[in-house]
N, C-alpha and C. Protein backbone atom coordinates (compact mmCIF):
# COMPACT_ATOMS: atom_id res chain seq x y z
N UNK A 1 -3.27 98.93 19.48
CA UNK A 1 -4.34 98.79 18.52
C UNK A 1 -4.18 97.51 17.69
N UNK A 2 -2.96 97.30 17.16
CA UNK A 2 -2.74 96.13 16.33
C UNK A 2 -2.89 94.84 17.13
N UNK A 3 -2.43 94.84 18.35
CA UNK A 3 -2.57 93.65 19.20
C UNK A 3 -4.05 93.38 19.47
N UNK A 4 -4.83 94.42 19.63
CA UNK A 4 -6.25 94.26 19.92
C UNK A 4 -7.00 93.61 18.76
N UNK A 5 -6.61 93.92 17.54
CA UNK A 5 -7.32 93.35 16.39
C UNK A 5 -6.61 92.13 15.81
N UNK A 6 -5.54 91.70 16.46
CA UNK A 6 -4.79 90.54 15.96
C UNK A 6 -5.58 89.24 16.09
N UNK A 7 -6.38 89.11 17.11
CA UNK A 7 -7.12 87.86 17.33
C UNK A 7 -8.36 87.80 16.45
N UNK A 8 -8.54 86.71 15.71
CA UNK A 8 -9.73 86.58 14.86
C UNK A 8 -11.05 86.73 15.64
N UNK A 9 -11.09 86.22 16.86
CA UNK A 9 -12.31 86.33 17.65
C UNK A 9 -12.65 87.79 17.94
N UNK A 10 -11.65 88.60 18.22
CA UNK A 10 -11.91 90.02 18.51
C UNK A 10 -12.37 90.74 17.25
N UNK A 11 -11.79 90.39 16.11
CA UNK A 11 -12.25 91.01 14.86
C UNK A 11 -13.70 90.63 14.58
N UNK A 12 -14.05 89.38 14.85
CA UNK A 12 -15.44 88.93 14.66
C UNK A 12 -16.38 89.66 15.61
N UNK A 13 -15.93 89.87 16.84
CA UNK A 13 -16.75 90.62 17.80
C UNK A 13 -16.99 92.04 17.32
N UNK A 14 -15.94 92.66 16.81
CA UNK A 14 -16.09 94.02 16.29
C UNK A 14 -17.10 94.07 15.15
N UNK A 15 -17.07 93.06 14.27
CA UNK A 15 -18.03 93.02 13.17
C UNK A 15 -19.45 92.92 13.68
N UNK A 16 -19.66 92.06 14.67
CA UNK A 16 -21.00 91.93 15.23
C UNK A 16 -21.45 93.21 15.92
N UNK A 17 -20.55 93.81 16.67
CA UNK A 17 -20.90 95.02 17.41
C UNK A 17 -21.06 96.23 16.51
N UNK A 18 -20.49 96.18 15.32
CA UNK A 18 -20.65 97.29 14.38
C UNK A 18 -22.09 97.38 13.88
N UNK A 19 -22.79 96.27 13.91
CA UNK A 19 -24.19 96.25 13.45
C UNK A 19 -25.13 96.92 14.45
N UNK A 20 -24.93 96.60 15.72
CA UNK A 20 -25.79 97.18 16.76
C UNK A 20 -25.23 96.89 18.14
N UNK A 21 -25.65 97.68 19.08
CA UNK A 21 -25.29 97.48 20.49
C UNK A 21 -25.82 96.11 20.91
N UNK A 22 -24.97 95.34 21.62
CA UNK A 22 -25.32 93.96 21.93
C UNK A 22 -25.00 93.64 23.39
N UNK A 23 -25.93 92.95 24.06
CA UNK A 23 -25.63 92.49 25.43
C UNK A 23 -24.53 91.43 25.39
N UNK A 24 -23.73 91.40 26.42
CA UNK A 24 -22.59 90.48 26.46
C UNK A 24 -23.05 89.03 26.35
N UNK A 25 -24.17 88.68 26.94
CA UNK A 25 -24.65 87.30 26.88
C UNK A 25 -25.03 86.93 25.45
N UNK A 26 -25.67 87.83 24.74
CA UNK A 26 -26.03 87.57 23.34
C UNK A 26 -24.78 87.46 22.47
N UNK A 27 -23.82 88.31 22.73
CA UNK A 27 -22.56 88.26 21.99
C UNK A 27 -21.85 86.93 22.23
N UNK A 28 -21.84 86.49 23.47
CA UNK A 28 -21.17 85.24 23.83
C UNK A 28 -21.78 84.04 23.11
N UNK A 29 -23.08 84.09 22.82
CA UNK A 29 -23.74 82.98 22.14
C UNK A 29 -23.22 82.77 20.73
N UNK A 30 -22.61 83.80 20.17
CA UNK A 30 -22.09 83.71 18.80
C UNK A 30 -20.72 83.06 18.72
N UNK A 31 -20.13 82.73 19.87
CA UNK A 31 -18.77 82.20 19.88
C UNK A 31 -18.70 80.90 20.66
N UNK A 32 -17.81 80.05 20.21
CA UNK A 32 -17.59 78.77 20.87
C UNK A 32 -16.49 78.93 21.92
N UNK A 33 -16.81 79.72 22.93
CA UNK A 33 -15.87 79.95 24.04
C UNK A 33 -16.68 80.33 25.27
N UNK A 34 -16.04 80.30 26.40
CA UNK A 34 -16.73 80.60 27.65
C UNK A 34 -17.06 82.09 27.74
N UNK A 35 -18.00 82.41 28.59
CA UNK A 35 -18.35 83.80 28.84
C UNK A 35 -17.14 84.56 29.37
N UNK A 36 -16.34 83.89 30.18
CA UNK A 36 -15.12 84.50 30.71
C UNK A 36 -14.16 84.87 29.59
N UNK A 37 -14.00 83.99 28.61
CA UNK A 37 -13.10 84.27 27.48
C UNK A 37 -13.63 85.44 26.65
N UNK A 38 -14.94 85.47 26.42
CA UNK A 38 -15.55 86.59 25.69
C UNK A 38 -15.31 87.89 26.45
N UNK A 39 -15.48 87.85 27.77
CA UNK A 39 -15.25 89.05 28.59
C UNK A 39 -13.80 89.51 28.51
N UNK A 40 -12.87 88.58 28.47
CA UNK A 40 -11.46 88.96 28.35
C UNK A 40 -11.19 89.63 27.00
N UNK A 41 -11.75 89.09 25.94
CA UNK A 41 -11.59 89.72 24.63
C UNK A 41 -12.20 91.12 24.62
N UNK A 42 -13.37 91.25 25.20
CA UNK A 42 -14.03 92.56 25.26
C UNK A 42 -13.21 93.55 26.08
N UNK A 43 -12.57 93.07 27.12
CA UNK A 43 -11.73 93.93 27.95
C UNK A 43 -10.57 94.49 27.13
N UNK A 44 -9.96 93.64 26.32
CA UNK A 44 -8.85 94.09 25.45
C UNK A 44 -9.35 95.11 24.44
N UNK A 45 -10.52 94.85 23.87
CA UNK A 45 -11.09 95.80 22.91
C UNK A 45 -11.45 97.13 23.59
N UNK A 46 -11.92 97.06 24.82
CA UNK A 46 -12.22 98.30 25.56
C UNK A 46 -10.95 99.09 25.85
N UNK A 47 -9.89 98.40 26.25
CA UNK A 47 -8.62 99.08 26.54
C UNK A 47 -8.08 99.79 25.30
N UNK A 48 -8.33 99.22 24.13
CA UNK A 48 -7.88 99.82 22.88
C UNK A 48 -8.84 100.92 22.41
N UNK A 49 -9.96 101.07 23.10
CA UNK A 49 -10.94 102.09 22.73
C UNK A 49 -11.83 101.68 21.58
N UNK A 50 -11.83 100.38 21.24
CA UNK A 50 -12.61 99.92 20.09
C UNK A 50 -14.05 99.57 20.42
N UNK A 51 -14.33 99.34 21.68
CA UNK A 51 -15.71 99.11 22.12
C UNK A 51 -15.97 99.92 23.38
N UNK A 52 -17.23 100.23 23.58
CA UNK A 52 -17.62 100.90 24.82
C UNK A 52 -18.70 100.06 25.49
N UNK A 53 -18.80 100.26 26.78
CA UNK A 53 -19.73 99.49 27.62
C UNK A 53 -20.75 100.44 28.21
N UNK A 54 -22.00 99.99 28.17
CA UNK A 54 -23.08 100.74 28.83
C UNK A 54 -23.88 99.76 29.66
N UNK A 55 -24.10 100.11 30.90
CA UNK A 55 -24.90 99.25 31.76
C UNK A 55 -26.35 99.73 31.71
N UNK A 56 -27.25 98.76 31.51
CA UNK A 56 -28.69 99.04 31.48
C UNK A 56 -29.33 98.02 32.41
N UNK A 57 -29.53 98.43 33.65
CA UNK A 57 -30.03 97.49 34.64
C UNK A 57 -28.98 96.44 34.91
N UNK A 58 -29.35 95.18 34.72
CA UNK A 58 -28.41 94.09 34.94
C UNK A 58 -27.61 93.74 33.69
N UNK A 59 -27.99 94.32 32.57
CA UNK A 59 -27.30 94.00 31.32
C UNK A 59 -26.09 94.89 31.10
N UNK A 60 -25.09 94.29 30.46
CA UNK A 60 -23.92 95.04 29.99
C UNK A 60 -24.00 95.06 28.47
N UNK A 61 -24.17 96.24 27.93
CA UNK A 61 -24.32 96.39 26.49
C UNK A 61 -23.04 96.95 25.90
N UNK A 62 -22.57 96.30 24.84
CA UNK A 62 -21.34 96.73 24.17
C UNK A 62 -21.68 97.28 22.80
N UNK A 63 -20.90 98.27 22.39
CA UNK A 63 -21.05 98.81 21.04
C UNK A 63 -19.66 99.10 20.47
N UNK A 64 -19.59 99.05 19.17
CA UNK A 64 -18.33 99.28 18.47
C UNK A 64 -18.03 100.78 18.40
N UNK A 65 -16.79 101.12 18.59
CA UNK A 65 -16.31 102.49 18.43
C UNK A 65 -15.21 102.43 17.37
N UNK A 66 -15.55 102.61 16.09
CA UNK A 66 -14.57 102.37 15.03
C UNK A 66 -13.52 103.47 14.82
N UNK A 67 -13.69 104.62 15.43
CA UNK A 67 -12.77 105.73 15.20
C UNK A 67 -11.29 105.37 15.43
N UNK A 68 -10.94 104.64 16.48
CA UNK A 68 -9.52 104.30 16.67
C UNK A 68 -8.93 103.46 15.54
N UNK A 69 -9.77 102.80 14.77
CA UNK A 69 -9.26 102.00 13.65
C UNK A 69 -8.66 102.87 12.55
N UNK A 70 -8.89 104.17 12.63
CA UNK A 70 -8.30 105.08 11.65
C UNK A 70 -6.77 104.98 11.68
N UNK A 71 -6.21 104.72 12.84
CA UNK A 71 -4.76 104.54 12.97
C UNK A 71 -4.30 103.39 12.08
N UNK A 72 -5.05 102.29 12.09
CA UNK A 72 -4.72 101.13 11.27
C UNK A 72 -4.89 101.48 9.80
N UNK A 73 -5.98 102.15 9.46
CA UNK A 73 -6.22 102.54 8.07
C UNK A 73 -5.11 103.44 7.55
N UNK A 74 -4.66 104.39 8.37
CA UNK A 74 -3.58 105.29 7.97
C UNK A 74 -2.28 104.52 7.73
N UNK A 75 -2.00 103.58 8.61
CA UNK A 75 -0.79 102.77 8.48
C UNK A 75 -0.83 101.96 7.19
N UNK A 76 -1.97 101.33 6.93
CA UNK A 76 -2.11 100.53 5.72
C UNK A 76 -2.01 101.39 4.46
N UNK A 77 -2.58 102.56 4.51
CA UNK A 77 -2.53 103.47 3.36
C UNK A 77 -1.09 103.86 3.04
N UNK A 78 -0.30 104.09 4.06
CA UNK A 78 1.10 104.46 3.88
C UNK A 78 1.86 103.36 3.14
N UNK A 79 1.60 102.10 3.48
CA UNK A 79 2.33 100.97 2.91
C UNK A 79 1.68 100.40 1.64
N UNK A 80 0.51 100.86 1.29
CA UNK A 80 -0.20 100.31 0.13
C UNK A 80 0.62 100.39 -1.17
N UNK A 81 1.28 101.51 -1.49
CA UNK A 81 2.07 101.53 -2.73
C UNK A 81 3.18 100.47 -2.74
N UNK A 82 3.81 100.23 -1.61
CA UNK A 82 4.84 99.21 -1.51
C UNK A 82 4.28 97.84 -1.88
N UNK A 83 3.15 97.49 -1.26
CA UNK A 83 2.58 96.17 -1.51
C UNK A 83 2.02 96.06 -2.92
N UNK A 84 1.48 97.14 -3.43
CA UNK A 84 0.97 97.13 -4.80
C UNK A 84 2.09 96.85 -5.77
N UNK A 85 3.23 97.52 -5.59
CA UNK A 85 4.39 97.28 -6.46
C UNK A 85 4.89 95.84 -6.32
N UNK A 86 4.97 95.34 -5.11
CA UNK A 86 5.46 93.98 -4.88
C UNK A 86 4.52 92.95 -5.53
N UNK A 87 3.22 93.18 -5.41
CA UNK A 87 2.27 92.24 -6.00
C UNK A 87 2.31 92.29 -7.53
N UNK A 88 2.54 93.48 -8.09
CA UNK A 88 2.70 93.58 -9.54
C UNK A 88 3.94 92.81 -9.99
N UNK A 89 5.04 92.97 -9.25
CA UNK A 89 6.27 92.24 -9.56
C UNK A 89 6.05 90.73 -9.48
N UNK A 90 5.34 90.29 -8.45
CA UNK A 90 5.05 88.86 -8.30
C UNK A 90 4.20 88.37 -9.46
N UNK A 91 3.19 89.14 -9.84
CA UNK A 91 2.34 88.76 -10.97
C UNK A 91 3.14 88.64 -12.25
N UNK A 92 4.05 89.59 -12.50
CA UNK A 92 4.89 89.54 -13.69
C UNK A 92 5.79 88.32 -13.67
N UNK A 93 6.36 88.01 -12.53
CA UNK A 93 7.21 86.83 -12.39
C UNK A 93 6.43 85.55 -12.66
N UNK A 94 5.22 85.46 -12.09
CA UNK A 94 4.41 84.26 -12.29
C UNK A 94 3.99 84.12 -13.75
N UNK A 95 3.65 85.22 -14.40
CA UNK A 95 3.30 85.18 -15.82
C UNK A 95 4.48 84.70 -16.66
N UNK A 96 5.66 85.21 -16.33
CA UNK A 96 6.88 84.84 -17.05
C UNK A 96 7.19 83.36 -16.83
N UNK A 97 7.06 82.89 -15.61
CA UNK A 97 7.32 81.48 -15.28
C UNK A 97 6.33 80.57 -16.01
N UNK A 98 5.08 80.97 -16.03
CA UNK A 98 4.05 80.18 -16.69
C UNK A 98 4.31 80.12 -18.20
N UNK A 99 4.72 81.24 -18.79
CA UNK A 99 5.02 81.28 -20.22
C UNK A 99 6.18 80.34 -20.55
N UNK A 100 7.21 80.33 -19.71
CA UNK A 100 8.35 79.43 -19.91
C UNK A 100 7.92 77.97 -19.84
N UNK A 101 7.06 77.66 -18.86
CA UNK A 101 6.60 76.27 -18.70
C UNK A 101 5.76 75.84 -19.89
N UNK A 102 4.98 76.75 -20.46
CA UNK A 102 4.15 76.42 -21.62
C UNK A 102 4.99 76.20 -22.87
N UNK A 103 6.15 76.86 -22.93
CA UNK A 103 7.05 76.69 -24.07
C UNK A 103 7.74 75.34 -24.05
N UNK A 104 7.95 74.81 -22.87
CA UNK A 104 8.69 73.54 -22.72
C UNK A 104 7.86 72.36 -23.03
């Protein structure tokens, strides 16, 4: 799951597909890459269960399936208190450093 959403292009594809089901050709127009590259990204997203494919005649229509992202949300929620504490500590350190510099 994490590898599937690691690439910025795949995250952008998911955002576009979350709006509505989109033909692969229309999706490819939104990116500065070949149709083959777009298809490879979509294949990775399909393997992760994040998008589904529906054939309608000659068109291949993709849609977002956000349910698997719950794994990522759960992971982030678990670590949120850790990062919140670390960011508070960093903020306090920066405030202290700034106060010292203003005194000098």
